[in-house]
């Protein structure tokens, strides 16, 4: 009996270590993106990040005997590949040029609100309730407070409000992808969805790359640290993070989505420590309202949770 008890404790500790590691990885992504877009334009950054991550993931899928391009659900995979990787990664990278990394982390956490609205119209067993509506209103109030906070930067000639809308647009992209995954890709293994959509996302970035960027010149002129940060975003914040998340899902199930709550505190703290970003009352109040809204929304959604978030930044 003691052996089995120790084995259970060890398994629980490993799950919590994965949770903490994932919160740190995804929560710190916004600080790294904020740093690297000063050296590498968003289009080049997203293309390189997705291409390297897709290459590693495809090698893994082939090595483990999994199918990279399943016969069923291909249109859905294409949609998710664009809307869950290429477009939101691009929107976040572009938006982070104009807003604090801490604000970007908080705004991305609004994904459950968009999921709630879309599910009400597109998923039969996900209708709005008073509890969900209350969570939605709390989150909206938080977003309004954060929007008012950016007005000062906007008046000084920046594009803070546009950057904020870009990041929220990324959250909406993630939400729509979750709906598609739930409705049309239930039969596909989550790791296959992740790897295949990364590949599709990398391919989707080629046209804008050819039209609006000079990747080899940009990458060759970037400082060494920017290269390492970009590689870290690809290998650690994408590939490793996906494996951590799916291994956590295997143990916790829908409860793994609780990592959404841990990301904003990590992002805000790291932004203040490494980028000297200001943490004022409106940032804290807006963030708390959004997190409280997410809790209200997710309490009852957890039982019918959508498939794991395959493309979190």
Protein backbone atom coordinates (compact mmCIF):
# COMPACT_ATOMS: atom_id res chain seq x y z
CA UNK A 1 0.00 0.00 0.00
CA UNK A 2 2.72 2.60 0.82
CA UNK A 3 4.30 1.92 -2.57
CA UNK A 4 1.07 2.75 -4.41
CA UNK A 5 0.57 5.83 -2.24
CA UNK A 6 4.07 7.08 -3.07
CA UNK A 7 3.48 6.33 -6.74
CA UNK A 8 0.31 8.45 -6.67
CA UNK A 9 2.08 11.31 -4.90
CA UNK A 10 4.88 11.19 -7.48
CA UNK A 11 2.37 11.28 -10.34
CA UNK A 12 0.56 14.25 -8.77
CA UNK A 13 3.82 16.14 -8.26
CA UNK A 14 4.85 15.50 -11.87
CA UNK A 15 1.50 16.83 -13.11
CA UNK A 16 1.86 20.00 -11.04
CA UNK A 17 5.43 20.47 -12.27
CA UNK A 18 4.12 20.28 -15.85
CA UNK A 19 1.46 22.82 -14.96
CA UNK A 20 3.97 25.27 -13.46
CA UNK A 21 6.41 24.78 -16.36
CA UNK A 22 3.63 25.38 -18.90
CA UNK A 23 2.42 28.53 -17.12
CA UNK A 24 5.98 29.88 -17.08
CA UNK A 25 6.56 29.00 -20.74
CA UNK A 26 3.34 30.42 -22.14
CA UNK A 27 3.27 33.34 -19.71
CA UNK A 28 6.80 34.38 -20.71
CA UNK A 29 6.11 34.16 -24.47
CA UNK A 30 4.86 37.74 -24.57
CA UNK A 31 7.99 39.16 -22.99
CA UNK A 32 10.14 37.33 -25.53
CA UNK A 33 7.96 38.40 -28.47
CA UNK A 34 8.09 42.00 -27.23
CA UNK A 35 11.89 41.81 -27.25
CA UNK A 36 12.41 40.05 -30.56
CA UNK A 37 10.04 42.16 -32.70
CA UNK A 38 12.49 45.01 -32.17
CA UNK A 39 14.95 43.03 -34.29
CA UNK A 40 12.81 40.79 -36.52
CA UNK A 41 9.57 41.85 -38.19
CA UNK A 42 6.41 39.94 -37.17
CA UNK A 43 5.95 38.12 -40.49
CA UNK A 44 9.50 36.77 -40.53
CA UNK A 45 9.32 35.87 -36.85
CA UNK A 46 6.09 33.88 -37.20
CA UNK A 47 7.24 32.13 -40.39
CA UNK A 48 10.56 31.02 -38.85
CA UNK A 49 8.92 30.01 -35.57
CA UNK A 50 6.20 27.92 -37.24
CA UNK A 51 8.52 26.36 -39.82
CA UNK A 52 11.04 25.13 -37.26
CA UNK A 53 8.31 23.91 -34.89
CA UNK A 54 6.46 22.15 -37.73
CA UNK A 55 9.64 20.41 -38.88
CA UNK A 56 10.32 19.06 -35.38
CA UNK A 57 6.72 18.00 -34.87
CA UNK A 58 6.47 16.27 -38.26
CA UNK A 59 9.65 14.30 -37.56
CA UNK A 60 8.12 13.20 -34.26
CA UNK A 61 4.82 12.19 -35.89
CA UNK A 62 6.60 10.13 -38.53
CA UNK A 63 8.94 8.58 -35.97
CA UNK A 64 5.98 7.47 -33.84
CA UNK A 65 4.04 6.13 -36.82
CA UNK A 66 1.33 8.81 -36.78
CA UNK A 67 -0.29 10.25 -39.91
CA UNK A 68 0.63 13.85 -40.71
CA UNK A 69 -2.21 14.46 -43.20
CA UNK A 70 -5.31 12.47 -42.11
CA UNK A 71 -7.85 11.58 -44.77
CA UNK A 72 -10.83 12.95 -42.84
CA UNK A 73 -11.26 16.52 -41.66
CA UNK A 74 -8.74 18.12 -44.01
CA UNK A 75 -10.74 21.30 -44.56
CA UNK A 76 -11.09 21.70 -40.81
CA UNK A 77 -7.35 21.14 -40.37
CA UNK A 78 -6.62 23.85 -42.94
CA UNK A 79 -8.93 26.24 -41.12
CA UNK A 80 -7.33 25.50 -37.76
CA UNK A 81 -3.85 25.73 -39.26
CA UNK A 82 -4.53 29.28 -40.40
CA UNK A 83 -6.79 30.48 -37.58
CA UNK A 84 -5.02 28.78 -34.69
CA UNK A 85 -1.39 29.36 -35.66
CA UNK A 86 -0.51 31.62 -38.59
CA UNK A 87 -3.05 34.43 -38.13
CA UNK A 88 -3.12 34.70 -34.31
CA UNK A 89 0.66 34.32 -34.02
CA UNK A 90 0.98 37.14 -36.55
CA UNK A 91 -1.58 39.35 -34.80
CA UNK A 92 0.08 38.89 -31.40
CA UNK A 93 3.56 39.55 -32.79
CA UNK A 94 2.36 42.67 -34.61
CA UNK A 95 0.37 43.93 -31.64
CA UNK A 96 3.24 43.43 -29.20
CA UNK A 97 5.15 46.16 -31.03
CA UNK A 98 2.75 48.72 -29.55
CA UNK A 99 1.53 47.40 -26.18
CA UNK A 100 3.17 46.06 -23.03
CA UNK A 101 3.81 42.34 -22.87
CA UNK A 102 1.77 42.16 -19.65
CA UNK A 103 -1.26 43.64 -21.41
CA UNK A 104 -0.82 41.18 -24.28
CA UNK A 105 -0.86 38.26 -21.85
CA UNK A 106 -4.05 39.45 -20.19
CA UNK A 107 -5.87 40.16 -23.45
CA UNK A 108 -5.05 36.74 -24.89
CA UNK A 109 -6.71 35.19 -21.85
CA UNK A 110 -10.06 36.53 -23.17
CA UNK A 111 -10.24 33.50 -25.51
CA UNK A 112 -12.90 31.76 -23.32
CA UNK A 113 -15.21 34.75 -23.77
CA UNK A 114 -15.07 34.47 -27.56
CA UNK A 115 -15.50 30.70 -27.24
CA UNK A 116 -18.61 31.30 -25.14
CA UNK A 117 -20.20 33.63 -27.70
CA UNK A 118 -19.38 31.43 -30.69
CA UNK A 119 -20.48 28.23 -28.94
CA UNK A 120 -23.86 29.78 -28.12
CA UNK A 121 -24.62 30.09 -31.83
CA UNK A 122 -22.69 27.13 -33.26
CA UNK A 123 -22.79 24.36 -30.63
CA UNK A 124 -26.18 22.97 -29.62
CA UNK A 125 -25.28 22.01 -26.05
CA UNK A 126 -23.48 25.28 -25.24
CA UNK A 127 -26.06 27.97 -24.62
CA UNK A 128 -25.63 31.20 -22.67
CA UNK A 129 -26.73 31.05 -19.04
CA UNK A 130 -26.99 33.85 -16.49
CA UNK A 131 -23.74 32.64 -14.93
CA UNK A 132 -21.92 32.68 -18.25
CA UNK A 133 -23.42 36.05 -19.13
CA UNK A 134 -22.20 37.43 -15.81
CA UNK A 135 -18.70 36.18 -16.56
CA UNK A 136 -18.87 37.71 -20.01
CA UNK A 137 -19.89 41.11 -18.60
CA UNK A 138 -17.11 40.99 -16.00
CA UNK A 139 -14.57 40.26 -18.70
CA UNK A 140 -15.94 43.02 -20.91
CA UNK A 141 -15.62 45.48 -18.05
CA UNK A 142 -12.00 44.43 -17.60
CA UNK A 143 -11.28 44.94 -21.29
CA UNK A 144 -12.87 48.42 -21.18
CA UNK A 145 -10.65 49.39 -18.24
CA UNK A 146 -7.57 48.15 -20.09
CA UNK A 147 -8.65 50.03 -23.23
CA UNK A 148 -8.98 53.27 -21.29
CA UNK A 149 -5.52 52.63 -19.88
CA UNK A 150 -4.03 52.69 -23.39
CA UNK A 151 -5.50 56.06 -24.33
CA UNK A 152 -2.54 57.96 -22.94
CA UNK A 153 -0.13 56.03 -25.14
CA UNK A 154 -2.42 56.54 -28.12
CA UNK A 155 -2.48 60.30 -27.59
CA UNK A 156 1.32 60.33 -27.60
CA UNK A 157 1.32 59.07 -31.18
CA UNK A 158 1.51 55.32 -30.59
CA UNK A 159 -0.71 52.55 -31.94
CA UNK A 160 -1.53 51.10 -28.53
CA UNK A 161 -5.24 50.71 -29.20
CA UNK A 162 -4.61 49.01 -32.56
CA UNK A 163 -2.15 46.65 -30.88
CA UNK A 164 -4.73 45.83 -28.25
CA UNK A 165 -7.38 45.02 -30.86
CA UNK A 166 -4.86 42.87 -32.75
CA UNK A 167 -4.19 40.72 -29.68
CA UNK A 168 -7.91 40.41 -28.97
CA UNK A 169 -8.36 39.41 -32.61
CA UNK A 170 -5.88 36.61 -31.96
CA UNK A 171 -7.98 35.48 -29.00
CA UNK A 172 -11.05 35.39 -31.27
CA UNK A 173 -9.08 33.28 -33.78
CA UNK A 174 -8.17 30.78 -31.08
CA UNK A 175 -11.80 30.59 -29.99
CA UNK A 176 -13.13 29.92 -33.49
CA UNK A 177 -10.52 27.20 -33.93
CA UNK A 178 -11.62 25.52 -30.73
CA UNK A 179 -15.18 25.36 -32.06
CA UNK A 180 -14.00 23.80 -35.33
CA UNK A 181 -11.81 21.28 -33.51
CA UNK A 182 -14.70 20.23 -31.32
CA UNK A 183 -17.21 19.89 -34.15
CA UNK A 184 -15.10 18.39 -36.93
CA UNK A 185 -11.88 16.94 -35.53
CA UNK A 186 -13.01 14.77 -32.62
CA UNK A 187 -11.72 11.70 -34.43
CA UNK A 188 -8.18 13.10 -34.87
CA UNK A 189 -5.54 12.61 -32.17
CA UNK A 190 -4.66 15.95 -30.51
CA UNK A 191 -0.92 15.61 -31.23
CA UNK A 192 -1.71 15.03 -34.91
CA UNK A 193 -3.90 18.14 -34.92
CA UNK A 194 -1.07 20.14 -33.35
CA UNK A 195 1.62 18.93 -35.75
CA UNK A 196 -0.48 19.11 -38.91
CA UNK A 197 -1.82 22.58 -38.15
CA UNK A 198 1.68 23.85 -37.39
CA UNK A 199 2.75 22.66 -40.84
CA UNK A 200 -0.28 24.30 -42.48
CA UNK A 201 0.38 27.50 -40.56
CA UNK A 202 3.99 27.58 -41.73
CA UNK A 203 2.89 27.13 -45.34
CA UNK A 204 0.22 29.82 -44.94
CA UNK A 205 2.91 32.32 -43.93
CA UNK A 206 4.83 31.92 -47.20
CA UNK A 207 2.67 34.30 -49.36
CA UNK A 208 2.81 37.24 -46.89
CA UNK A 209 6.49 36.49 -46.38
CA UNK A 210 7.20 36.79 -50.11
CA UNK A 211 5.04 39.90 -50.47
CA UNK A 212 5.90 41.88 -47.37
CA UNK A 213 9.19 40.75 -45.87
CA UNK A 214 12.84 40.02 -46.63
CA UNK A 215 13.46 37.12 -44.25
CA UNK A 216 17.06 36.30 -45.08
CA UNK A 217 18.17 39.93 -44.86
CA UNK A 218 16.23 40.47 -41.63
CA UNK A 219 17.55 37.29 -40.02
CA UNK A 220 21.12 37.96 -41.14
CA UNK A 221 21.05 41.47 -39.68
CA UNK A 222 19.44 40.44 -36.39
CA UNK A 223 21.68 40.31 -33.34
CA UNK A 224 22.65 36.92 -31.95
CA UNK A 225 20.33 37.10 -28.96
CA UNK A 226 17.33 37.68 -31.26
CA UNK A 227 18.17 34.43 -33.08
CA UNK A 228 18.27 32.51 -29.82
CA UNK A 229 14.99 34.04 -28.63
CA UNK A 230 13.30 33.12 -31.93
CA UNK A 231 14.57 29.54 -31.69
CA UNK A 232 13.37 29.37 -28.07
CA UNK A 233 9.91 30.58 -29.12
CA UNK A 234 9.79 27.80 -31.68
CA UNK A 235 11.26 24.86 -29.80
CA UNK A 236 10.33 25.62 -26.18
CA UNK A 237 7.29 27.88 -26.33
CA UNK A 238 5.66 25.91 -29.15
CA UNK A 239 6.95 22.32 -29.39
CA UNK A 240 7.80 21.64 -25.74
CA UNK A 241 4.71 23.55 -24.56
CA UNK A 242 2.42 21.42 -26.73
CA UNK A 243 3.87 18.19 -25.36
CA UNK A 244 3.58 19.45 -21.79
CA UNK A 245 -0.01 20.51 -22.33
CA UNK A 246 -1.14 17.26 -23.91
CA UNK A 247 0.61 15.17 -21.26
CA UNK A 248 -1.20 17.27 -18.64
CA UNK A 249 -4.51 16.73 -20.43
CA UNK A 250 -3.89 12.98 -20.30
CA UNK A 251 -3.71 13.20 -16.48
CA UNK A 252 -6.10 16.03 -15.62
CA UNK A 253 -8.47 16.11 -18.56
CA UNK A 254 -10.32 19.44 -18.99
CA UNK A 255 -8.79 20.76 -15.76
CA UNK A 256 -5.60 21.34 -17.73
CA UNK A 257 -7.24 24.50 -19.11
CA UNK A 258 -6.65 26.05 -15.67
CA UNK A 259 -3.24 27.05 -17.03
CA UNK A 260 -5.13 29.96 -18.62
CA UNK A 261 -5.48 31.49 -15.16
CA UNK A 262 -1.77 31.21 -14.37
CA UNK A 263 -0.52 32.89 -17.56
CA UNK A 264 -1.48 36.55 -16.85
CA UNK A 265 0.21 36.73 -13.41
CA UNK A 266 3.37 35.24 -14.92
CA UNK A 267 3.30 37.61 -17.90
CA UNK A 268 2.64 40.70 -15.75
CA UNK A 269 5.40 39.80 -13.27
CA UNK A 270 7.99 39.07 -15.97
CA UNK A 271 7.10 42.26 -17.87
CA UNK A 272 7.65 44.32 -14.73
CA UNK A 273 10.92 42.57 -13.85
CA UNK A 274 12.64 42.35 -17.23
CA UNK A 275 11.03 45.15 -19.26
CA UNK A 276 10.27 47.55 -16.40
CA UNK A 277 6.66 47.76 -17.46
CA UNK A 278 4.42 49.79 -15.19
CA UNK A 279 1.90 47.86 -13.11
CA UNK A 280 -0.80 50.35 -12.19
CA UNK A 281 -4.22 50.05 -10.59
CA UNK A 282 -6.12 49.89 -13.89
CA UNK A 283 -3.94 47.04 -15.20
CA UNK A 284 -4.49 45.05 -12.01
CA UNK A 285 -8.23 45.81 -11.85
CA UNK A 286 -8.78 45.00 -15.53
CA UNK A 287 -6.79 41.79 -15.24
CA UNK A 288 -8.63 40.66 -12.11
CA UNK A 289 -12.04 41.33 -13.70
CA UNK A 290 -11.05 39.30 -16.78
CA UNK A 291 -9.78 36.40 -14.68
CA UNK A 292 -12.92 36.42 -12.51
CA UNK A 293 -15.03 36.42 -15.65
CA UNK A 294 -13.08 33.46 -17.04
CA UNK A 295 -13.65 31.55 -13.79
CA UNK A 296 -17.42 32.11 -14.03
CA UNK A 297 -17.46 31.08 -17.68
CA UNK A 298 -15.24 28.03 -17.26
CA UNK A 299 -16.80 26.54 -14.14
CA UNK A 300 -19.59 24.94 -16.15
CA UNK A 301 -17.84 24.79 -19.51
CA UNK A 302 -15.12 22.50 -18.14
CA UNK A 303 -17.31 19.41 -18.27
CA UNK A 304 -17.88 19.91 -21.99
CA UNK A 305 -14.48 21.43 -22.63
CA UNK A 306 -13.34 21.98 -26.16
CA UNK A 307 -10.28 20.12 -27.42
CA UNK A 308 -6.91 21.24 -25.99
CA UNK A 309 -5.69 24.58 -27.19
CA UNK A 310 -3.27 23.56 -29.90
CA UNK A 311 -1.97 26.99 -30.78
CA UNK A 312 -1.48 29.10 -27.70
CA UNK A 313 1.24 31.68 -28.05
